[in-house]
């Protein structure tokens, strides 16, 4: 269970095949490790390892993180790249 005051993150990973993956979490280091080394990583990233963290953005709640994640996922690839280039 997450505390109401816990920091949430929206993040973008660059996969080994050059594709981008967007997600949310409360612990970026743990989540990056899961994406690269664990069965807990997303199915999409498990097939495209290794992945690298290329963008992170803090959010104040899970709700805000989920909304921002959805907005980022709607962006075109060029717009996503502009976030972190």
PDB file of N, CA and C in Angstrom:
ATOM      1  N   UNK A   1       0.844  -1.189   0.000  1.00  0.00           N
ATOM      2  CA  UNK A   1       0.000   0.000   0.000  1.00  0.00           C
ATOM      3  C   UNK A   1       0.881   1.242   0.000  1.00  0.00           C
ATOM      4  N   UNK A   2       0.532   2.213  -0.796  1.00  0.00           N
ATOM      5  CA  UNK A   2       1.322   3.436  -0.907  1.00  0.00           C
ATOM      6  C   UNK A   2       0.761   4.517   0.004  1.00  0.00           C
ATOM      7  N   UNK A   3       1.661   5.294   0.588  1.00  0.00           N
ATOM      8  CA  UNK A   3       1.258   6.417   1.434  1.00  0.00           C
ATOM      9  C   UNK A   3       0.679   7.511   0.542  1.00  0.00           C
ATOM     10  N   UNK A   4      -0.307   8.255   1.048  1.00  0.00           N
ATOM     11  CA  UNK A   4      -0.898   9.326   0.244  1.00  0.00           C
ATOM     12  C   UNK A   4       0.106  10.415  -0.134  1.00  0.00           C
ATOM     13  N   UNK A   5       1.144  10.613   0.693  1.00  0.00           N
ATOM     14  CA  UNK A   5       2.121  11.673   0.426  1.00  0.00           C
ATOM     15  C   UNK A   5       3.323  11.180  -0.372  1.00  0.00           C
ATOM     16  N   UNK A   6       3.271   9.952  -0.861  1.00  0.00           N
ATOM     17  CA  UNK A   6       4.406   9.371  -1.563  1.00  0.00           C
ATOM     18  C   UNK A   6       4.619  10.028  -2.924  1.00  0.00           C
ATOM     19  N   UNK A   7       5.886  10.223  -3.267  1.00  0.00           N
ATOM     20  CA  UNK A   7       6.266  10.815  -4.553  1.00  0.00           C
ATOM     21  C   UNK A   7       6.057   9.799  -5.677  1.00  0.00           C
ATOM     22  N   UNK A   8       5.389  10.199  -6.734  1.00  0.00           N
ATOM     23  CA  UNK A   8       5.195   9.365  -7.918  1.00  0.00           C
ATOM     24  C   UNK A   8       6.030   9.932  -9.055  1.00  0.00           C
ATOM     25  N   UNK A   9       6.400   9.072  -9.975  1.00  0.00           N
ATOM     26  CA  UNK A   9       7.217   9.451 -11.128  1.00  0.00           C
ATOM     27  C   UNK A   9       6.581   8.941 -12.411  1.00  0.00           C
ATOM     28  N   UNK A  10       6.623   9.775 -13.436  1.00  0.00           N
ATOM     29  CA  UNK A  10       6.325   9.354 -14.801  1.00  0.00           C
ATOM     30  C   UNK A  10       7.689   9.245 -15.462  1.00  0.00           C
ATOM     31  N   UNK A  11       7.907   8.163 -16.187  1.00  0.00           N
ATOM     32  CA  UNK A  11       9.231   7.962 -16.776  1.00  0.00           C
ATOM     33  C   UNK A  11       9.116   7.422 -18.192  1.00  0.00           C
ATOM     34  N   UNK A  12      10.179   7.659 -18.956  1.00  0.00           N
ATOM     35  CA  UNK A  12      10.283   7.101 -20.303  1.00  0.00           C
ATOM     36  C   UNK A  12      11.587   6.323 -20.379  1.00  0.00           C
ATOM     37  N   UNK A  13      11.495   5.117 -20.920  1.00  0.00           N
ATOM     38  CA  UNK A  13      12.662   4.268 -21.142  1.00  0.00           C
ATOM     39  C   UNK A  13      12.930   4.169 -22.632  1.00  0.00           C
ATOM     40  N   UNK A  14      14.214   4.118 -22.989  1.00  0.00           N
ATOM     41  CA  UNK A  14      14.588   3.802 -24.364  1.00  0.00           C
ATOM     42  C   UNK A  14      15.003   2.336 -24.361  1.00  0.00           C
ATOM     43  N   UNK A  15      14.327   1.540 -25.165  1.00  0.00           N
ATOM     44  CA  UNK A  15      14.603   0.108 -25.236  1.00  0.00           C
ATOM     45  C   UNK A  15      15.754  -0.170 -26.202  1.00  0.00           C
ATOM     46  N   UNK A  16      16.292  -1.376 -26.127  1.00  0.00           N
ATOM     47  CA  UNK A  16      17.427  -1.768 -26.967  1.00  0.00           C
ATOM     48  C   UNK A  16      17.113  -1.631 -28.456  1.00  0.00           C
ATOM     49  N   UNK A  17      15.853  -1.792 -28.832  1.00  0.00           N
ATOM     50  CA  UNK A  17      15.484  -1.666 -30.245  1.00  0.00           C
ATOM     51  C   UNK A  17      15.185  -0.217 -30.658  1.00  0.00           C
ATOM     52  N   UNK A  18      15.396   0.732 -29.717  1.00  0.00           N
ATOM     53  CA  UNK A  18      15.170   2.141 -30.017  1.00  0.00           C
ATOM     54  C   UNK A  18      13.762   2.627 -29.715  1.00  0.00           C
ATOM     55  N   UNK A  19      12.867   1.714 -29.382  1.00  0.00           N
ATOM     56  CA  UNK A  19      11.499   2.128 -29.065  1.00  0.00           C
ATOM     57  C   UNK A  19      11.456   2.774 -27.677  1.00  0.00           C
ATOM     58  N   UNK A  20      10.345   3.466 -27.407  1.00  0.00           N
ATOM     59  CA  UNK A  20      10.167   4.160 -26.137  1.00  0.00           C
ATOM     60  C   UNK A  20       9.038   3.518 -25.344  1.00  0.00           C
ATOM     61  N   UNK A  21       9.206   3.457 -24.027  1.00  0.00           N
ATOM     62  CA  UNK A  21       8.197   2.901 -23.125  1.00  0.00           C
ATOM     63  C   UNK A  21       7.939   3.926 -22.035  1.00  0.00           C
ATOM     64  N   UNK A  22       6.683   4.218 -21.766  1.00  0.00           N
ATOM     65  CA  UNK A  22       6.310   5.181 -20.729  1.00  0.00           C
ATOM     66  C   UNK A  22       5.586   4.454 -19.605  1.00  0.00           C
ATOM     67  N   UNK A  23       5.940   4.792 -18.357  1.00  0.00           N
ATOM     68  CA  UNK A  23       5.300   4.172 -17.213  1.00  0.00           C
ATOM     69  C   UNK A  23       5.303   5.098 -16.007  1.00  0.00           C
ATOM     70  N   UNK A  24       4.748   4.592 -14.896  1.00  0.00           N
ATOM     71  CA  UNK A  24       4.743   5.335 -13.636  1.00  0.00           C
ATOM     72  C   UNK A  24       5.224   4.415 -12.520  1.00  0.00           C
ATOM     73  N   UNK A  25       5.771   5.021 -11.460  1.00  0.00           N
ATOM     74  CA  UNK A  25       6.221   4.248 -10.308  1.00  0.00           C
ATOM     75  C   UNK A  25       6.491   5.188  -9.142  1.00  0.00           C
ATOM     76  N   UNK A  26       6.822   4.619  -7.985  1.00  0.00           N
ATOM     77  CA  UNK A  26       7.212   5.417  -6.819  1.00  0.00           C
ATOM     78  C   UNK A  26       8.700   5.306  -6.548  1.00  0.00           C
ATOM     79  N   UNK A  27       9.366   4.323  -7.143  1.00  0.00           N
ATOM     80  CA  UNK A  27      10.800   4.102  -6.909  1.00  0.00           C
ATOM     81  C   UNK A  27      11.471   3.833  -8.255  1.00  0.00           C
ATOM     82  N   UNK A  28      12.070   4.862  -8.821  1.00  0.00           N
ATOM     83  CA  UNK A  28      12.653   4.743 -10.168  1.00  0.00           C
ATOM     84  C   UNK A  28      13.775   3.712 -10.232  1.00  0.00           C
ATOM     85  N   UNK A  29      14.647   3.707  -9.240  1.00  0.00           N
ATOM     86  CA  UNK A  29      15.777   2.766  -9.257  1.00  0.00           C
ATOM     87  C   UNK A  29      15.292   1.324  -9.244  1.00  0.00           C
ATOM     88  N   UNK A  30      14.338   1.034  -8.363  1.00  0.00           N
ATOM     89  CA  UNK A  30      13.790  -0.322  -8.275  1.00  0.00           C
ATOM     90  C   UNK A  30      13.096  -0.698  -9.582  1.00  0.00           C
ATOM     91  N   UNK A  31      12.305   0.227 -10.112  1.00  0.00           N
ATOM     92  CA  UNK A  31      11.536  -0.082 -11.317  1.00  0.00           C
ATOM     93  C   UNK A  31      12.450  -0.292 -12.519  1.00  0.00           C
ATOM     94  N   UNK A  32      13.497   0.506 -12.641  1.00  0.00           N
ATOM     95  CA  UNK A  32      14.447   0.315 -13.739  1.00  0.00           C
ATOM     96  C   UNK A  32      15.114  -1.055 -13.624  1.00  0.00           C
ATOM     97  N   UNK A  33      15.472  -1.441 -12.408  1.00  0.00           N
ATOM     98  CA  UNK A  33      16.066  -2.767 -12.198  1.00  0.00           C
ATOM     99  C   UNK A  33      15.081  -3.857 -12.614  1.00  0.00           C
ATOM    100  N   UNK A  34      13.806  -3.696 -12.250  1.00  0.00           N
ATOM    101  CA  UNK A  34      12.794  -4.684 -12.642  1.00  0.00           C
ATOM    102  C   UNK A  34      12.675  -4.775 -14.164  1.00  0.00           C
ATOM    103  N   UNK A  35      12.663  -3.643 -14.827  1.00  0.00           N
ATOM    104  CA  UNK A  35      12.551  -3.656 -16.293  1.00  0.00           C
ATOM    105  C   UNK A  35      13.731  -4.376 -16.935  1.00  0.00           C
ATOM    106  N   UNK A  36      14.914  -4.255 -16.346  1.00  0.00           N
ATOM    107  CA  UNK A  36      16.112  -4.838 -16.950  1.00  0.00           C
ATOM    108  C   UNK A  36      16.435  -6.251 -16.480  1.00  0.00           C
ATOM    109  N   UNK A  37      16.018  -6.632 -15.268  1.00  0.00           N
ATOM    110  CA  UNK A  37      16.521  -7.881 -14.693  1.00  0.00           C
ATOM    111  C   UNK A  37      15.479  -8.801 -14.081  1.00  0.00           C
ATOM    112  N   UNK A  38      14.227  -8.445 -14.108  1.00  0.00           N
ATOM    113  CA  UNK A  38      13.231  -9.200 -13.361  1.00  0.00           C
ATOM    114  C   UNK A  38      12.022  -9.546 -14.222  1.00  0.00           C
ATOM    115  N   UNK A  39      11.319 -10.565 -13.816  1.00  0.00           N
ATOM    116  CA  UNK A  39      10.064 -10.910 -14.478  1.00  0.00           C
ATOM    117  C   UNK A  39       8.985  -9.881 -14.149  1.00  0.00           C
ATOM    118  N   UNK A  40       9.240  -9.009 -13.183  1.00  0.00           N
ATOM    119  CA  UNK A  40       8.283  -7.960 -12.822  1.00  0.00           C
ATOM    120  C   UNK A  40       8.305  -6.800 -13.806  1.00  0.00           C
ATOM    121  N   UNK A  41       9.302  -6.768 -14.680  1.00  0.00           N
ATOM    122  CA  UNK A  41       9.334  -5.723 -15.702  1.00  0.00           C
ATOM    123  C   UNK A  41       8.170  -5.908 -16.655  1.00  0.00           C
ATOM    124  N   UNK A  42       7.776  -4.849 -17.305  1.00  0.00           N
ATOM    125  CA  UNK A  42       6.663  -4.926 -18.257  1.00  0.00           C
ATOM    126  C   UNK A  42       6.987  -5.923 -19.369  1.00  0.00           C
ATOM    127  N   UNK A  43       5.994  -6.612 -19.849  1.00  0.00           N
ATOM    128  CA  UNK A  43       6.190  -7.576 -20.929  1.00  0.00           C
ATOM    129  C   UNK A  43       6.856  -6.911 -22.137  1.00  0.00           C
ATOM    130  N   UNK A  44       6.448  -5.685 -22.422  1.00  0.00           N
ATOM    131  CA  UNK A  44       7.018  -4.959 -23.564  1.00  0.00           C
ATOM    132  C   UNK A  44       8.529  -4.801 -23.404  1.00  0.00           C
ATOM    133  N   UNK A  45       8.979  -4.391 -22.220  1.00  0.00           N
ATOM    134  CA  UNK A  45      10.410  -4.155 -22.025  1.00  0.00           C
ATOM    135  C   UNK A  45      11.200  -5.437 -21.837  1.00  0.00           C
ATOM    136  N   UNK A  46      10.569  -6.480 -21.328  1.00  0.00           N
ATOM    137  CA  UNK A  46      11.293  -7.760 -21.148  1.00  0.00           C
ATOM    138  C   UNK A  46      11.809  -8.281 -22.483  1.00  0.00           C
ATOM    139  N   UNK A  47      11.089  -8.004 -23.553  1.00  0.00           N
ATOM    140  CA  UNK A  47      11.489  -8.473 -24.882  1.00  0.00           C
ATOM    141  C   UNK A  47      12.455  -7.508 -25.570  1.00  0.00           C
ATOM    142  N   UNK A  48      12.756  -6.374 -24.913  1.00  0.00           N
ATOM    143  CA  UNK A  48      13.573  -5.332 -25.562  1.00  0.00           C
ATOM    144  C   UNK A  48      14.686  -4.833 -24.647  1.00  0.00           C
ATOM    145  N   UNK A  49      15.225  -5.721 -23.838  1.00  0.00           N
ATOM    146  CA  UNK A  49      16.297  -5.349 -22.913  1.00  0.00           C
ATOM    147  C   UNK A  49      17.620  -5.241 -23.632  1.00  0.00           C
ATOM    148  N   UNK A  50      18.549  -4.425 -23.118  1.00  0.00           N
ATOM    149  CA  UNK A  50      18.417  -3.590 -21.929  1.00  0.00           C
ATOM    150  C   UNK A  50      17.668  -2.301 -22.238  1.00  0.00           C
ATOM    151  N   UNK A  51      17.108  -1.710 -21.187  1.00  0.00           N
ATOM    152  CA  UNK A  51      16.424  -0.428 -21.317  1.00  0.00           C
ATOM    153  C   UNK A  51      17.188   0.612 -20.514  1.00  0.00           C
ATOM    154  N   UNK A  52      17.054   1.873 -20.917  1.00  0.00           N
ATOM    155  CA  UNK A  52      17.722   2.968 -20.214  1.00  0.00           C
ATOM    156  C   UNK A  52      16.707   4.058 -19.892  1.00  0.00           C
ATOM    157  N   UNK A  53      16.806   4.607 -18.713  1.00  0.00           N
ATOM    158  CA  UNK A  53      15.946   5.712 -18.308  1.00  0.00           C
ATOM    159  C   UNK A  53      16.396   6.976 -19.036  1.00  0.00           C
ATOM    160  N   UNK A  54      15.485   7.599 -19.790  1.00  0.00           N
ATOM    161  CA  UNK A  54      15.842   8.800 -20.539  1.00  0.00           C
ATOM    162  C   UNK A  54      15.047  10.022 -20.094  1.00  0.00           C
ATOM    163  N   UNK A  55      13.980   9.819 -19.310  1.00  0.00           N
ATOM    164  CA  UNK A  55      13.166  10.949 -18.869  1.00  0.00           C
ATOM    165  C   UNK A  55      12.450  10.571 -17.587  1.00  0.00           C
ATOM    166  N   UNK A  56      12.382  11.526 -16.672  1.00  0.00           N
ATOM    167  CA  UNK A  56      11.626  11.325 -15.443  1.00  0.00           C
ATOM    168  C   UNK A  56      10.982  12.636 -15.043  1.00  0.00           C
ATOM    169  N   UNK A  57       9.787  12.544 -14.497  1.00  0.00           N
ATOM    170  CA  UNK A  57       9.019  13.731 -14.142  1.00  0.00           C
ATOM    171  C   UNK A  57       8.263  13.436 -12.847  1.00  0.00           C
ATOM    172  N   UNK A  58       8.471  14.223 -11.792  1.00  0.00           N
ATOM    173  CA  UNK A  58       7.771  13.963 -10.527  1.00  0.00           C
ATOM    174  C   UNK A  58       6.300  14.360 -10.603  1.00  0.00           C
ATOM    175  N   UNK A  59       5.490  13.623  -9.879  1.00  0.00           N
ATOM    176  CA  UNK A  59       4.065  13.937  -9.746  1.00  0.00           C
ATOM    177  C   UNK A  59       3.679  13.775  -8.282  1.00  0.00           C
ATOM    178  N   UNK A  60       2.640  14.459  -7.863  1.00  0.00           N
ATOM    179  CA  UNK A  60       2.272  14.470  -6.447  1.00  0.00           C
ATOM    180  C   UNK A  60       1.370  13.319  -6.024  1.00  0.00           C
ATOM    181  N   UNK A  61       0.771  12.624  -6.986  1.00  0.00           N
ATOM    182  CA  UNK A  61      -0.143  11.524  -6.641  1.00  0.00           C
ATOM    183  C   UNK A  61      -0.176  10.501  -7.768  1.00  0.00           C
ATOM    184  N   UNK A  62      -0.703   9.348  -7.454  1.00  0.00           N
ATOM    185  CA  UNK A  62      -0.849   8.316  -8.488  1.00  0.00           C
ATOM    186  C   UNK A  62      -1.792   8.800  -9.586  1.00  0.00           C
ATOM    187  N   UNK A  63      -2.835   9.466  -9.186  1.00  0.00           N
ATOM    188  CA  UNK A  63      -3.803   9.984 -10.147  1.00  0.00           C
ATOM    189  C   UNK A  63      -3.141  10.956 -11.124  1.00  0.00           C
ATOM    190  N   UNK A  64      -2.357  11.893 -10.595  1.00  0.00           N
ATOM    191  CA  UNK A  64      -1.673  12.859 -11.454  1.00  0.00           C
ATOM    192  C   UNK A  64      -0.657  12.153 -12.355  1.00  0.00           C
ATOM    193  N   UNK A  65       0.054  11.173 -11.805  1.00  0.00           N
ATOM    194  CA  UNK A  65       1.035  10.423 -12.598  1.00  0.00           C
ATOM    195  C   UNK A  65       0.339   9.665 -13.725  1.00  0.00           C
ATOM    196  N   UNK A  66      -0.782   9.048 -13.425  1.00  0.00           N
ATOM    197  CA  UNK A  66      -1.520   8.292 -14.449  1.00  0.00           C
ATOM    198  C   UNK A  66      -2.041   9.209 -15.549  1.00  0.00           C
ATOM    199  N   UNK A  67      -2.506  10.381 -15.166  1.00  0.00           N
ATOM    200  CA  UNK A  67      -2.998  11.337 -16.166  1.00  0.00           C
ATOM    201  C   UNK A  67      -1.865  11.812 -17.069  1.00  0.00           C
ATOM    202  N   UNK A  68      -0.726  12.104 -16.464  1.00  0.00           N
ATOM    203  CA  UNK A  68       0.424  12.569 -17.251  1.00  0.00           C
ATOM    204  C   UNK A  68       0.946  11.454 -18.152  1.00  0.00           C
ATOM    205  N   UNK A  69       0.985  10.217 -17.620  1.00  0.00           N
ATOM    206  CA  UNK A  69       1.402   9.066 -18.426  1.00  0.00           C
ATOM    207  C   UNK A  69       0.509   8.937 -19.659  1.00  0.00           C
ATOM    208  N   UNK A  70      -0.796   9.052 -19.464  1.00  0.00           N
ATOM    209  CA  UNK A  70      -1.734   8.939 -20.580  1.00  0.00           C
ATOM    210  C   UNK A  70      -1.493  10.049 -21.600  1.00  0.00           C
ATOM    211  N   UNK A  71      -1.216  11.264 -21.109  1.00  0.00           N
ATOM    212  CA  UNK A  71      -0.956  12.385 -22.022  1.00  0.00           C
ATOM    213  C   UNK A  71       0.320  12.149 -22.822  1.00  0.00           C
ATOM    214  N   UNK A  72       1.364  11.648 -22.172  1.00  0.00           N
ATOM    215  CA  UNK A  72       2.624  11.375 -22.870  1.00  0.00           C
ATOM    216  C   UNK A  72       2.438  10.270 -23.904  1.00  0.00           C
ATOM    217  N   UNK A  73       1.691   9.239 -23.544  1.00  0.00           N
ATOM    218  CA  UNK A  73       1.477   8.129 -24.478  1.00  0.00           C
ATOM    219  C   UNK A  73       0.734   8.569 -25.739  1.00  0.00           C
ATOM    220  N   UNK A  74      -0.029   9.666 -25.654  1.00  0.00           N
ATOM    221  CA  UNK A  74      -0.749  10.178 -26.820  1.00  0.00           C
ATOM    222  C   UNK A  74       0.139  11.001 -27.744  1.00  0.00           C
ATOM    223  N   UNK A  75       1.316  11.404 -27.260  1.00  0.00           N
ATOM    224  CA  UNK A  75       2.221  12.214 -28.071  1.00  0.00           C
ATOM    225  C   UNK A  75       2.826  11.399 -29.207  1.00  0.00           C
ATOM    226  N   UNK A  76       3.167  12.090 -30.288  1.00  0.00           N
ATOM    227  CA  UNK A  76       3.912  11.444 -31.364  1.00  0.00           C
ATOM    228  C   UNK A  76       5.341  11.209 -30.881  1.00  0.00           C
ATOM    229  N   UNK A  77       6.020  10.278 -31.504  1.00  0.00           N
ATOM    230  CA  UNK A  77       7.397   9.948 -31.111  1.00  0.00           C
ATOM    231  C   UNK A  77       8.288  11.192 -31.061  1.00  0.00           C
ATOM    232  N   UNK A  78       8.177  12.049 -32.073  1.00  0.00           N
ATOM    233  CA  UNK A  78       9.012  13.255 -32.121  1.00  0.00           C
ATOM    234  C   UNK A  78       8.759  14.143 -30.903  1.00  0.00           C
ATOM    235  N   UNK A  79       7.519  14.218 -30.469  1.00  0.00           N
ATOM    236  CA  UNK A  79       7.176  15.034 -29.312  1.00  0.00           C
ATOM    237  C   UNK A  79       7.744  14.425 -28.025  1.00  0.00           C
ATOM    238  N   UNK A  80       7.722  13.112 -27.948  1.00  0.00           N
ATOM    239  CA  UNK A  80       8.323  12.437 -26.781  1.00  0.00           C
ATOM    240  C   UNK A  80       9.826  12.680 -26.743  1.00  0.00           C
ATOM    241  N   UNK A  81      10.464  12.555 -27.896  1.00  0.00           N
ATOM    242  CA  UNK A  81      11.915  12.794 -27.956  1.00  0.00           C
ATOM    243  C   UNK A  81      12.253  14.223 -27.548  1.00  0.00           C
ATOM    244  N   UNK A  82      11.397  15.168 -27.876  1.00  0.00           N
ATOM    245  CA  UNK A  82      11.632  16.572 -27.532  1.00  0.00           C
ATOM    246  C   UNK A  82      11.600  16.791 -26.012  1.00  0.00           C
ATOM    247  N   UNK A  83      10.907  15.935 -25.287  1.00  0.00           N
ATOM    248  CA  UNK A  83      10.847  16.064 -23.830  1.00  0.00           C
ATOM    249  C   UNK A  83      12.223  15.901 -23.199  1.00  0.00           C
ATOM    250  N   UNK A  84      13.069  15.067 -23.792  1.00  0.00           N
ATOM    251  CA  UNK A  84      14.338  14.749 -23.137  1.00  0.00           C
ATOM    252  C   UNK A  84      15.566  15.000 -24.000  1.00  0.00           C
ATOM    253  N   UNK A  85      15.405  15.659 -25.143  1.00  0.00           N
ATOM    254  CA  UNK A  85      16.591  15.919 -25.962  1.00  0.00           C
ATOM    255  C   UNK A  85      17.073  17.345 -25.816  1.00  0.00           C
TER     256      UNK A  85
END
